[in-house]
Amino acid sequence: MAPTTDLRRASASELERLACALLERAGMPADRAADVASILVEGDLMGHSTHGLQLLPSYLAEATSGSMTLQGEPAVLADRGASLTRDGRRLPGPWLVLRAMEEAERRAREFGTGTVVIRRSHHIGCLAVYLRRATERGFVMLLHSSTPANSSVVPHGGTKGVLSPSPISAGIPTEGLPILVDISTSSTSNGLVGRTKAAGARLPHPWLVDAEGRATDDPSTTQAILPLGGLDNGHKGFGLGLMVDALTSGLAGHGRLKAKENLGASVFLQVFDPDGFGGQADLRREMQGVVDACAKSPAPAGGEPVRMPGERGQKLRERQLAEGVDLLPAIVDGVASWAAKLGVPMPEGLGRA
């Protein structure tokens, strides 16, 4: 990330109002615009800058072109009580996922667990944001996503992309900060590759593969991404990527053999009510014990203490809620271009470093 002096800053509430106003001006109903704006800004609050307001210009382009569906409801494809499958009809992804969470949580309270699979969702943003909300309500949640039309990730041992970065995630309550696991099954994301390429820079590590099968950090020559684990252990990320495809597009019955749509997503969401199993208190106590044991593992000389998944993002969120959200100038410029086009004023001072 760029040095702090290069960043632009605004309050989270200002950014939500801006994003909401732009989405409404693009034709999205107010309640759905509010959901999308909230999820995007939450992504930036937690430091996931490739999945925050950086996505807003592409969302606005899709909304104004008709590629994103703005009106209507998802269609029910199957309902077995504890499980539900919906066709998202390319409706706004964050709105679809939040509604799916409500449904899954209701079913989890009845059956112990509730699962919702969505096909043909629009892009859903940062997964960790949803996890935090579920754990606040005491649920364990799994959330996975794939992009059937995207083939930027090579299978282990290959040189041509087949899969998408396909993140996997899990939210787990403890007696303190929840554990929020949100990892891509690829070595990096398309968003970071695209941003780095546009800046004429190189990636921090050789996360890409060239046509000869060599690892590279140069996005100007290729956008084929290695699976998580790279050349040495990429069979692990490749296996996880296949699992995500099965749980999302496979269960939804609509994936790579059918989808040729930009920014579409297949989603798998599963919620567990701990009181339907060993109990809320015991879950939190057990997982807090694991957190405490990990924290006591000595760091190597000069190294940082053990940090739990999601810890840094949650602490950053609290700081940025108090001090303002830092945004890269390129992100601000992209949003400002749409603000000018749609006649929505930018927050005062956001355009100045």
Protein backbone atom coordinates (compact mmCIF):
# COMPACT_ATOMS: atom_id res chain seq x y z
CA MET A 1 0.00 0.00 0.00
CA ALA A 2 1.13 3.56 -0.65
CA PRO A 3 2.62 5.62 2.19
CA THR A 4 0.11 7.21 4.53
CA THR A 5 0.92 10.71 3.18
CA ASP A 6 -0.39 9.62 -0.24
CA LEU A 7 -3.75 8.48 1.11
CA ARG A 8 -7.04 10.37 1.11
CA ARG A 9 -9.28 10.25 4.17
CA ALA A 10 -13.00 10.62 4.92
CA SER A 11 -15.31 9.35 7.62
CA ALA A 12 -17.05 6.03 7.11
CA SER A 13 -20.45 7.73 7.35
CA GLU A 14 -19.50 10.23 4.61
CA LEU A 15 -18.30 7.43 2.36
CA GLU A 16 -21.46 5.39 2.92
CA ARG A 17 -23.64 8.40 2.07
CA LEU A 18 -21.58 9.03 -1.07
CA ALA A 19 -21.72 5.42 -2.25
CA CYS A 20 -25.42 5.17 -1.46
CA ALA A 21 -26.21 8.37 -3.34
CA LEU A 22 -24.25 7.21 -6.39
CA LEU A 23 -25.95 3.82 -6.44
CA GLU A 24 -29.39 5.39 -6.09
CA ARG A 25 -28.59 7.84 -8.89
CA ALA A 26 -27.63 4.81 -10.99
CA GLY A 27 -31.13 3.43 -10.42
CA MET A 28 -30.74 1.10 -7.43
CA PRO A 29 -33.56 1.14 -4.86
CA ALA A 30 -32.60 2.96 -1.67
CA ASP A 31 -32.63 -0.07 0.65
CA ARG A 32 -30.42 -2.09 -1.67
CA ALA A 33 -28.09 0.83 -2.26
CA ALA A 34 -27.68 1.21 1.50
CA ASP A 35 -26.73 -2.47 1.85
CA VAL A 36 -24.19 -2.33 -0.97
CA ALA A 37 -22.67 0.93 0.28
CA SER A 38 -22.36 -0.43 3.81
CA ILE A 39 -20.61 -3.64 2.70
CA LEU A 40 -18.15 -1.78 0.43
CA VAL A 41 -17.18 0.77 3.08
CA GLU A 42 -16.86 -1.99 5.68
CA GLY A 43 -14.36 -3.65 3.35
CA ASP A 44 -12.22 -0.52 3.38
CA LEU A 45 -12.65 -0.14 7.14
CA MET A 46 -11.13 -3.59 7.61
CA GLY A 47 -8.27 -2.91 5.20
CA HIS A 48 -9.53 -4.97 2.25
CA SER A 49 -8.98 -2.12 -0.18
CA THR A 50 -9.33 -4.24 -3.34
CA HIS A 51 -12.81 -5.22 -2.18
CA GLY A 52 -14.05 -1.90 -0.87
CA LEU A 53 -14.85 1.29 -2.78
CA GLN A 54 -12.43 0.24 -5.51
CA LEU A 55 -15.33 -1.93 -6.69
CA LEU A 56 -17.87 0.91 -6.77
CA PRO A 57 -17.07 2.21 -10.30
CA SER A 58 -17.53 -1.28 -11.78
CA TYR A 59 -20.79 -1.71 -9.86
CA LEU A 60 -22.04 1.65 -11.17
CA ALA A 61 -21.03 0.75 -14.72
CA GLU A 62 -22.94 -2.53 -14.46
CA ALA A 63 -25.98 -0.81 -12.90
CA THR A 64 -26.21 1.89 -15.54
CA SER A 65 -25.59 -0.49 -18.45
CA GLY A 66 -28.25 -2.95 -17.34
CA SER A 67 -25.76 -5.75 -16.63
CA MET A 68 -26.78 -5.64 -12.96
CA THR A 69 -30.43 -6.31 -12.18
CA LEU A 70 -31.80 -3.60 -9.90
CA GLN A 71 -35.45 -4.55 -9.39
CA GLY A 72 -37.27 -7.72 -8.36
CA GLU A 73 -36.50 -10.66 -6.10
CA PRO A 74 -34.33 -13.79 -6.35
CA ALA A 75 -36.07 -16.94 -7.54
CA VAL A 76 -36.34 -20.01 -5.29
CA LEU A 77 -34.97 -23.12 -7.04
CA ALA A 78 -35.12 -25.59 -4.13
CA ASP A 79 -36.16 -25.50 -0.48
CA ARG A 80 -35.64 -28.43 1.89
CA GLY A 81 -36.12 -26.64 5.20
CA ALA A 82 -32.52 -26.51 6.39
CA SER A 83 -31.30 -25.72 2.85
CA LEU A 84 -32.35 -23.22 0.22
CA THR A 85 -31.12 -22.56 -3.33
CA ARG A 86 -31.81 -19.27 -5.08
CA ASP A 87 -31.24 -17.78 -8.51
CA GLY A 88 -29.91 -14.30 -7.76
CA ARG A 89 -30.82 -12.99 -11.24
CA ARG A 90 -27.69 -10.79 -11.09
CA LEU A 91 -29.25 -8.64 -8.36
CA PRO A 92 -26.80 -6.66 -6.16
CA GLY A 93 -24.52 -9.19 -4.45
CA PRO A 94 -24.24 -7.62 -0.99
CA TRP A 95 -28.02 -7.27 -0.77
CA LEU A 96 -28.48 -10.91 -1.84
CA VAL A 97 -25.97 -12.19 0.71
CA LEU A 98 -27.42 -10.16 3.58
CA ARG A 99 -30.89 -11.48 2.79
CA ALA A 100 -29.46 -15.01 2.54
CA MET A 101 -27.85 -14.59 5.95
CA GLU A 102 -31.19 -13.64 7.47
CA GLU A 103 -32.76 -16.75 5.99
CA ALA A 104 -29.90 -19.04 6.99
CA GLU A 105 -29.86 -17.70 10.55
CA ARG A 106 -33.63 -18.20 10.88
CA ARG A 107 -33.29 -21.79 9.75
CA ALA A 108 -30.25 -22.38 11.96
CA ARG A 109 -32.28 -21.35 15.01
CA GLU A 110 -34.79 -24.06 14.07
CA PHE A 111 -32.56 -26.85 12.72
CA GLY A 112 -29.14 -26.02 14.20
CA THR A 113 -27.79 -25.14 10.77
CA GLY A 114 -29.05 -23.33 7.68
CA THR A 115 -27.51 -23.35 4.21
CA VAL A 116 -28.22 -21.02 1.29
CA VAL A 117 -26.67 -21.44 -2.16
CA ILE A 118 -27.03 -18.64 -4.73
CA ARG A 119 -26.36 -18.80 -8.43
CA ARG A 120 -26.09 -15.79 -10.74
CA SER A 121 -25.43 -13.27 -7.98
CA HIS A 122 -23.68 -10.05 -8.81
CA HIS A 123 -20.26 -9.57 -7.16
CA ILE A 124 -20.54 -9.80 -3.34
CA GLY A 125 -17.53 -7.81 -2.09
CA CYS A 126 -15.42 -8.65 0.97
CA LEU A 127 -16.36 -11.91 2.71
CA ALA A 128 -14.89 -10.96 6.11
CA VAL A 129 -17.47 -8.18 6.47
CA TYR A 130 -20.33 -10.68 6.50
CA LEU A 131 -18.48 -12.97 8.94
CA ARG A 132 -18.13 -10.18 11.48
CA ARG A 133 -21.87 -9.52 11.40
CA ALA A 134 -22.73 -13.21 11.84
CA THR A 135 -20.37 -13.69 14.79
CA GLU A 136 -21.78 -10.58 16.46
CA ARG A 137 -25.09 -12.47 16.56
CA GLY A 138 -23.41 -15.58 17.98
CA PHE A 139 -23.34 -17.71 14.82
CA VAL A 140 -20.54 -19.67 13.20
CA MET A 141 -20.61 -19.00 9.47
CA LEU A 142 -18.96 -20.42 6.37
CA LEU A 143 -19.07 -18.27 3.23
CA HIS A 144 -17.46 -19.23 -0.07
CA SER A 145 -17.69 -17.65 -3.50
CA SER A 146 -16.60 -18.37 -7.06
CA THR A 147 -16.86 -16.47 -10.34
CA PRO A 148 -17.85 -18.92 -13.09
CA ALA A 149 -16.98 -16.57 -15.97
CA ASN A 150 -13.49 -15.92 -14.59
CA SER A 151 -10.60 -18.26 -15.44
CA SER A 152 -7.58 -16.38 -14.14
CA VAL A 153 -6.17 -19.08 -11.81
CA VAL A 154 -4.17 -21.98 -13.21
CA PRO A 155 -4.63 -25.54 -11.96
CA HIS A 156 -1.52 -26.81 -10.17
CA GLY A 157 1.00 -27.81 -12.82
CA GLY A 158 -0.75 -25.88 -15.61
CA THR A 159 -0.03 -22.63 -17.43
CA LYS A 160 -3.54 -21.63 -18.59
CA GLY A 161 -6.14 -20.28 -16.19
CA VAL A 162 -9.23 -22.37 -15.46
CA LEU A 163 -10.55 -21.38 -12.01
CA SER A 164 -11.30 -18.06 -10.30
CA PRO A 165 -9.56 -16.85 -7.10
CA SER A 166 -12.59 -18.31 -5.23
CA PRO A 167 -12.27 -17.17 -1.60
CA ILE A 168 -13.15 -19.37 1.36
CA SER A 169 -14.08 -17.92 4.72
CA ALA A 170 -15.22 -18.80 8.23
CA GLY A 171 -16.40 -16.67 11.15
CA ILE A 172 -16.05 -18.12 14.67
CA PRO A 173 -17.18 -16.42 17.90
CA THR A 174 -14.86 -16.37 20.92
CA GLU A 175 -15.02 -14.61 24.28
CA GLY A 176 -13.07 -11.75 22.69
CA LEU A 177 -12.54 -10.76 19.06
CA PRO A 178 -14.05 -13.34 16.71
CA ILE A 179 -11.81 -15.38 14.42
CA LEU A 180 -12.41 -14.23 10.84
CA VAL A 181 -10.76 -16.43 8.23
CA ASP A 182 -11.01 -14.93 4.73
CA ILE A 183 -8.48 -16.31 2.25
CA SER A 184 -8.32 -16.72 -1.48
CA THR A 185 -7.64 -20.15 -2.93
CA SER A 186 -5.25 -18.34 -5.29
CA SER A 187 -1.93 -16.68 -4.47
CA THR A 188 -3.42 -13.20 -4.95
CA SER A 189 -6.56 -11.48 -6.19
CA ASN A 190 -7.49 -10.15 -9.62
CA GLY A 191 -8.06 -6.75 -8.01
CA LEU A 192 -4.47 -6.48 -6.77
CA VAL A 193 -3.08 -7.76 -10.06
CA GLY A 194 -5.11 -5.20 -12.00
CA ARG A 195 -4.21 -2.33 -9.67
CA THR A 196 -0.51 -3.21 -9.80
CA LYS A 197 -0.53 -3.54 -13.57
CA ALA A 198 -2.26 -0.15 -13.97
CA ALA A 199 0.43 1.43 -11.77
CA GLY A 200 3.21 -0.09 -13.88
CA ALA A 201 4.55 -1.83 -10.79
CA ARG A 202 5.40 -5.38 -9.75
CA LEU A 203 3.71 -7.60 -7.19
CA PRO A 204 5.36 -8.15 -3.77
CA HIS A 205 6.03 -11.81 -4.62
CA PRO A 206 6.04 -14.09 -7.71
CA TRP A 207 2.34 -14.95 -7.51
CA LEU A 208 1.79 -15.26 -11.27
CA VAL A 209 2.90 -17.84 -13.84
CA ASP A 210 4.13 -17.16 -17.38
CA ALA A 211 3.50 -19.23 -20.50
CA GLU A 212 6.57 -21.38 -19.76
CA GLY A 213 5.34 -22.21 -16.27
CA ARG A 214 7.79 -19.93 -14.43
CA ALA A 215 6.65 -17.93 -11.41
CA THR A 216 6.75 -14.16 -11.94
CA ASP A 217 5.86 -10.95 -10.15
CA ASP A 218 5.30 -8.98 -13.36
CA PRO A 219 1.59 -8.44 -14.14
CA SER A 220 2.40 -6.71 -17.44
CA THR A 221 3.29 -10.03 -19.07
CA THR A 222 0.48 -12.25 -17.77
CA GLN A 223 -2.55 -12.34 -15.52
CA ALA A 224 -2.46 -16.09 -14.92
CA ILE A 225 -2.45 -16.46 -11.13
CA LEU A 226 -0.89 -19.35 -9.26
CA PRO A 227 -3.10 -21.28 -6.82
CA LEU A 228 -2.50 -20.76 -3.10
CA GLY A 229 0.82 -22.43 -2.31
CA GLY A 230 2.55 -21.37 -5.53
CA LEU A 231 4.69 -23.70 -7.59
CA ASP A 232 5.74 -25.77 -4.56
CA ASN A 233 2.46 -26.39 -2.72
CA GLY A 234 -0.15 -25.19 -5.18
CA HIS A 235 -1.87 -28.57 -5.11
CA LYS A 236 -3.40 -27.41 -1.81
CA GLY A 237 -4.89 -24.21 -3.20
CA PHE A 238 -5.96 -26.06 -6.34
CA GLY A 239 -7.83 -28.63 -4.25
CA LEU A 240 -9.53 -25.92 -2.21
CA GLY A 241 -10.51 -24.10 -5.39
CA LEU A 242 -12.17 -27.24 -6.74
CA MET A 243 -14.02 -27.64 -3.43
CA VAL A 244 -15.35 -24.08 -3.66
CA ASP A 245 -16.48 -24.62 -7.26
CA ALA A 246 -18.41 -27.71 -6.15
CA LEU A 247 -20.09 -26.04 -3.16
CA THR A 248 -20.99 -22.88 -5.09
CA SER A 249 -21.52 -23.44 -8.81
CA GLY A 250 -21.85 -27.22 -8.54
CA LEU A 251 -24.61 -27.20 -5.93
CA ALA A 252 -26.26 -24.22 -7.63
CA GLY A 253 -26.36 -26.11 -10.93
CA HIS A 254 -25.01 -23.14 -12.86
CA GLY A 255 -21.29 -22.61 -13.34
CA ARG A 256 -18.43 -22.62 -15.79
CA LEU A 257 -20.24 -24.63 -18.44
CA LYS A 258 -23.02 -22.04 -18.67
CA ALA A 259 -21.94 -18.63 -17.36
CA LYS A 260 -20.38 -16.09 -19.72
CA GLU A 261 -21.32 -13.03 -17.70
CA ASN A 262 -19.02 -10.39 -16.26
CA LEU A 263 -18.88 -10.02 -12.46
CA GLY A 264 -21.28 -12.88 -11.76
CA ALA A 265 -20.84 -14.97 -8.63
CA SER A 266 -21.88 -18.32 -7.21
CA VAL A 267 -22.23 -18.30 -3.41
CA PHE A 268 -22.30 -20.93 -0.66
CA LEU A 269 -23.38 -19.72 2.79
CA GLN A 270 -23.80 -21.95 5.84
CA VAL A 271 -24.69 -20.80 9.34
CA PHE A 272 -24.46 -22.81 12.57
CA ASP A 273 -26.28 -21.98 15.79
CA PRO A 274 -23.96 -23.23 18.57
CA ASP A 275 -26.97 -23.85 20.82
CA GLY A 276 -28.03 -26.55 18.35
CA PHE A 277 -24.75 -28.32 19.08
CA GLY A 278 -22.59 -28.14 22.23
CA GLY A 279 -23.81 -24.68 23.28
CA GLN A 280 -22.86 -21.05 22.75
CA ALA A 281 -20.95 -20.62 26.00
CA ASP A 282 -18.88 -23.77 25.51
CA LEU A 283 -18.02 -22.85 21.93
CA ARG A 284 -16.83 -19.40 22.95
CA ARG A 285 -14.88 -20.78 25.92
CA GLU A 286 -13.23 -23.50 23.83
CA MET A 287 -12.23 -21.17 21.01
CA GLN A 288 -10.99 -18.51 23.42
CA GLY A 289 -8.74 -21.17 24.93
CA VAL A 290 -7.34 -21.91 21.49
CA VAL A 291 -6.79 -18.18 20.85
CA ASP A 292 -5.00 -17.79 24.19
CA ALA A 293 -2.78 -20.81 23.52
CA CYS A 294 -1.83 -19.45 20.09
CA ALA A 295 -1.03 -16.05 21.60
CA LYS A 296 1.36 -17.72 24.05
CA SER A 297 3.37 -19.38 21.28
CA PRO A 298 6.71 -17.49 21.33
CA ALA A 299 7.56 -15.45 18.27
CA PRO A 300 11.08 -15.75 16.81
CA ALA A 301 13.62 -13.12 17.81
CA GLY A 302 12.63 -9.79 16.30
CA GLY A 303 9.32 -11.18 15.04
CA GLU A 304 5.82 -9.95 15.74
CA PRO A 305 3.54 -11.81 18.18
CA VAL A 306 1.10 -14.37 16.83
CA ARG A 307 -1.93 -12.67 15.34
CA MET A 308 -5.28 -14.43 14.87
CA PRO A 309 -7.07 -14.35 11.50
CA GLY A 310 -9.11 -11.16 11.22
CA GLU A 311 -7.52 -9.51 14.26
CA ARG A 312 -5.67 -6.80 12.37
CA GLY A 313 -8.70 -5.95 10.23
CA GLN A 314 -10.99 -5.61 13.23
CA LYS A 315 -8.55 -3.37 15.10
CA LEU A 316 -8.02 -1.30 11.96
CA ARG A 317 -11.78 -0.96 11.64
CA GLU A 318 -12.07 0.51 15.14
CA ARG A 319 -9.27 2.97 14.44
CA GLN A 320 -10.68 4.06 11.10
CA LEU A 321 -14.16 4.47 12.54
CA ALA A 322 -12.65 6.98 14.95
CA GLU A 323 -10.10 8.66 12.67
CA GLY A 324 -11.47 8.26 9.15
CA VAL A 325 -11.02 5.74 6.34
CA ASP A 326 -7.80 5.87 4.31
CA LEU A 327 -8.23 5.46 0.55
CA LEU A 328 -5.67 5.27 -2.24
CA PRO A 329 -5.83 8.27 -4.63
CA ALA A 330 -6.64 5.96 -7.55
CA ILE A 331 -9.73 4.71 -5.70
CA VAL A 332 -10.87 8.25 -4.92
CA ASP A 333 -10.30 9.31 -8.53
CA GLY A 334 -12.36 6.41 -9.82
CA VAL A 335 -15.27 7.27 -7.53
CA ALA A 336 -14.92 11.01 -8.25
CA SER A 337 -15.25 10.37 -11.97
CA TRP A 338 -18.62 8.72 -11.41
CA ALA A 339 -19.66 11.43 -8.95
CA ALA A 340 -19.09 14.04 -11.65
CA LYS A 341 -20.94 11.94 -14.22
CA LEU A 342 -23.96 11.38 -11.97
CA GLY A 343 -24.00 14.84 -10.38
CA VAL A 344 -23.26 13.73 -6.81
CA PRO A 345 -20.97 15.99 -4.71
CA MET A 346 -17.84 14.43 -3.22
CA PRO A 347 -17.24 14.82 0.55
CA GLU A 348 -15.46 18.07 1.29
CA GLY A 349 -11.70 17.59 1.43
CA LEU A 350 -11.66 14.04 0.05
CA GLY A 351 -10.03 15.16 -3.15
CA ARG A 352 -7.05 16.66 -1.35
CA ALA A 353 -4.15 14.57 -0.06
